[in-house]
Amino acid sequence: MNNKSLHSFHIPVMGLAYTIDSPIRVAQYGISSVISIIDDEILEKMRAFYSSKFNLDFFSISTKEEDYRAKRVTAYLNMI
């Protein structure tokens, strides 16, 4: 079985938030990408933005919740 990729380039992780939404922007072209998930505050803002843009349900995850960072990262990745 041949699992060779159709493209021979990659999108580098350029630092905090530069590639936070790369998969959303390039997936339509069949390009693989990675996500910078360092800052949970930015993840939460981006999740709110894309939830609004694509009419998805959004519930804010407060910093007062137990293990809020893990919940924010999980919610963002699930949305993507």
C-alpha atoms as a PDB file:
ATOM      1  CA  MET A   1       0.000   0.000   0.000  1.00  0.00           C
ATOM      2  CA  ASN A   2       1.354   3.404  -0.956  1.00  0.00           C
ATOM      3  CA  ASN A   3       0.712   6.116   1.652  1.00  0.00           C
ATOM      4  CA  LYS A   4       2.764   8.791  -0.081  1.00  0.00           C
ATOM      5  CA  SER A   5       1.558  12.326   0.606  1.00  0.00           C
ATOM      6  CA  LEU A   6       0.205  14.316  -2.320  1.00  0.00           C
ATOM      7  CA  HIS A   7       2.232  17.365  -1.371  1.00  0.00           C
ATOM      8  CA  SER A   8       5.895  17.753  -0.524  1.00  0.00           C
ATOM      9  CA  PHE A   9       5.887  20.849   1.667  1.00  0.00           C
ATOM     10  CA  HIS A  10       4.896  21.670   5.208  1.00  0.00           C
ATOM     11  CA  ILE A  11       3.591  24.672   7.088  1.00  0.00           C
ATOM     12  CA  PRO A  12       5.983  25.331   9.964  1.00  0.00           C
ATOM     13  CA  VAL A  13       4.837  26.210  13.443  1.00  0.00           C
ATOM     14  CA  MET A  14       6.022  29.786  13.511  1.00  0.00           C
ATOM     15  CA  GLY A  15       5.307  30.484  17.141  1.00  0.00           C
ATOM     16  CA  LEU A  16       2.486  31.377  19.425  1.00  0.00           C
ATOM     17  CA  ALA A  17      -0.835  31.714  17.595  1.00  0.00           C
ATOM     18  CA  TYR A  18       0.535  31.994  14.054  1.00  0.00           C
ATOM     19  CA  THR A  19      -0.712  28.512  13.226  1.00  0.00           C
ATOM     20  CA  ILE A  20      -3.603  28.271  15.645  1.00  0.00           C
ATOM     21  CA  ASP A  21      -6.101  28.050  12.788  1.00  0.00           C
ATOM     22  CA  SER A  22      -3.926  26.759   9.937  1.00  0.00           C
ATOM     23  CA  PRO A  23      -5.879  23.506   9.575  1.00  0.00           C
ATOM     24  CA  ILE A  24      -9.124  25.438   9.075  1.00  0.00           C
ATOM     25  CA  ARG A  25      -7.536  27.591   6.394  1.00  0.00           C
ATOM     26  CA  VAL A  26      -5.617  24.927   4.436  1.00  0.00           C
ATOM     27  CA  ALA A  27      -7.626  21.704   4.871  1.00  0.00           C
ATOM     28  CA  GLN A  28      -9.792  22.566   1.873  1.00  0.00           C
ATOM     29  CA  TYR A  29      -6.671  22.196  -0.278  1.00  0.00           C
ATOM     30  CA  GLY A  30      -5.772  18.778   1.183  1.00  0.00           C
ATOM     31  CA  ILE A  31      -2.803  20.202   3.074  1.00  0.00           C
ATOM     32  CA  SER A  32      -1.857  18.810   6.468  1.00  0.00           C
ATOM     33  CA  SER A  33      -0.974  21.241   9.220  1.00  0.00           C
ATOM     34  CA  VAL A  34      -0.262  21.437  12.927  1.00  0.00           C
ATOM     35  CA  ILE A  35      -1.767  23.647  15.616  1.00  0.00           C
ATOM     36  CA  SER A  36      -0.028  25.761  18.223  1.00  0.00           C
ATOM     37  CA  ILE A  37      -1.918  25.044  21.458  1.00  0.00           C
ATOM     38  CA  ILE A  38       0.303  26.913  23.907  1.00  0.00           C
ATOM     39  CA  ASP A  39      -2.065  29.673  25.031  1.00  0.00           C
ATOM     40  CA  ASP A  40      -5.485  28.546  26.252  1.00  0.00           C
ATOM     41  CA  GLU A  41      -6.792  32.149  26.288  1.00  0.00           C
ATOM     42  CA  ILE A  42      -6.221  32.476  22.540  1.00  0.00           C
ATOM     43  CA  LEU A  43      -7.710  29.031  21.950  1.00  0.00           C
ATOM     44  CA  GLU A  44     -10.850  30.104  23.785  1.00  0.00           C
ATOM     45  CA  LYS A  45     -11.111  33.320  21.747  1.00  0.00           C
ATOM     46  CA  MET A  46     -10.579  31.476  18.478  1.00  0.00           C
ATOM     47  CA  ARG A  47     -13.164  28.872  19.450  1.00  0.00           C
ATOM     48  CA  ALA A  48     -15.658  31.670  20.139  1.00  0.00           C
ATOM     49  CA  PHE A  49     -14.810  33.310  16.790  1.00  0.00           C
ATOM     50  CA  TYR A  50     -15.160  30.172  14.670  1.00  0.00           C
ATOM     51  CA  SER A  51     -18.227  29.013  16.592  1.00  0.00           C
ATOM     52  CA  SER A  52     -19.879  32.298  15.686  1.00  0.00           C
ATOM     53  CA  LYS A  53     -18.642  32.209  12.083  1.00  0.00           C
ATOM     54  CA  PHE A  54     -19.902  28.677  11.448  1.00  0.00           C
ATOM     55  CA  ASN A  55     -22.985  28.843  13.718  1.00  0.00           C
ATOM     56  CA  LEU A  56     -21.681  26.246  16.162  1.00  0.00           C
ATOM     57  CA  ASP A  57     -22.773  25.965  19.771  1.00  0.00           C
ATOM     58  CA  PHE A  58     -20.381  27.796  22.083  1.00  0.00           C
ATOM     59  CA  PHE A  59     -20.086  27.596  25.841  1.00  0.00           C
ATOM     60  CA  SER A  60     -17.354  29.541  27.576  1.00  0.00           C
ATOM     61  CA  ILE A  61     -14.936  27.582  29.765  1.00  0.00           C
ATOM     62  CA  SER A  62     -14.095  29.674  32.817  1.00  0.00           C
ATOM     63  CA  THR A  63     -10.646  29.790  34.394  1.00  0.00           C
ATOM     64  CA  LYS A  64     -12.421  28.916  37.640  1.00  0.00           C
ATOM     65  CA  GLU A  65     -13.273  25.438  36.379  1.00  0.00           C
ATOM     66  CA  GLU A  66     -11.103  22.548  37.461  1.00  0.00           C
ATOM     67  CA  ASP A  67      -8.556  21.644  34.776  1.00  0.00           C
ATOM     68  CA  TYR A  68      -9.826  24.491  32.587  1.00  0.00           C
ATOM     69  CA  ARG A  69      -6.785  24.534  30.289  1.00  0.00           C
ATOM     70  CA  ALA A  70      -7.220  20.888  29.311  1.00  0.00           C
ATOM     71  CA  LYS A  71     -10.930  21.475  28.754  1.00  0.00           C
ATOM     72  CA  ARG A  72     -10.238  24.505  26.541  1.00  0.00           C
ATOM     73  CA  VAL A  73      -7.646  22.673  24.457  1.00  0.00           C
ATOM     74  CA  THR A  74      -9.952  19.661  24.096  1.00  0.00           C
ATOM     75  CA  ALA A  75     -12.934  21.838  23.128  1.00  0.00           C
ATOM     76  CA  TYR A  76     -10.854  23.690  20.496  1.00  0.00           C
ATOM     77  CA  LEU A  77      -9.481  20.485  18.989  1.00  0.00           C
ATOM     78  CA  ASN A  78     -12.957  18.933  18.948  1.00  0.00           C
ATOM     79  CA  MET A  79     -14.291  22.009  17.155  1.00  0.00           C
ATOM     80  CA  ILE A  80     -11.544  21.805  14.527  1.00  0.00           C
END
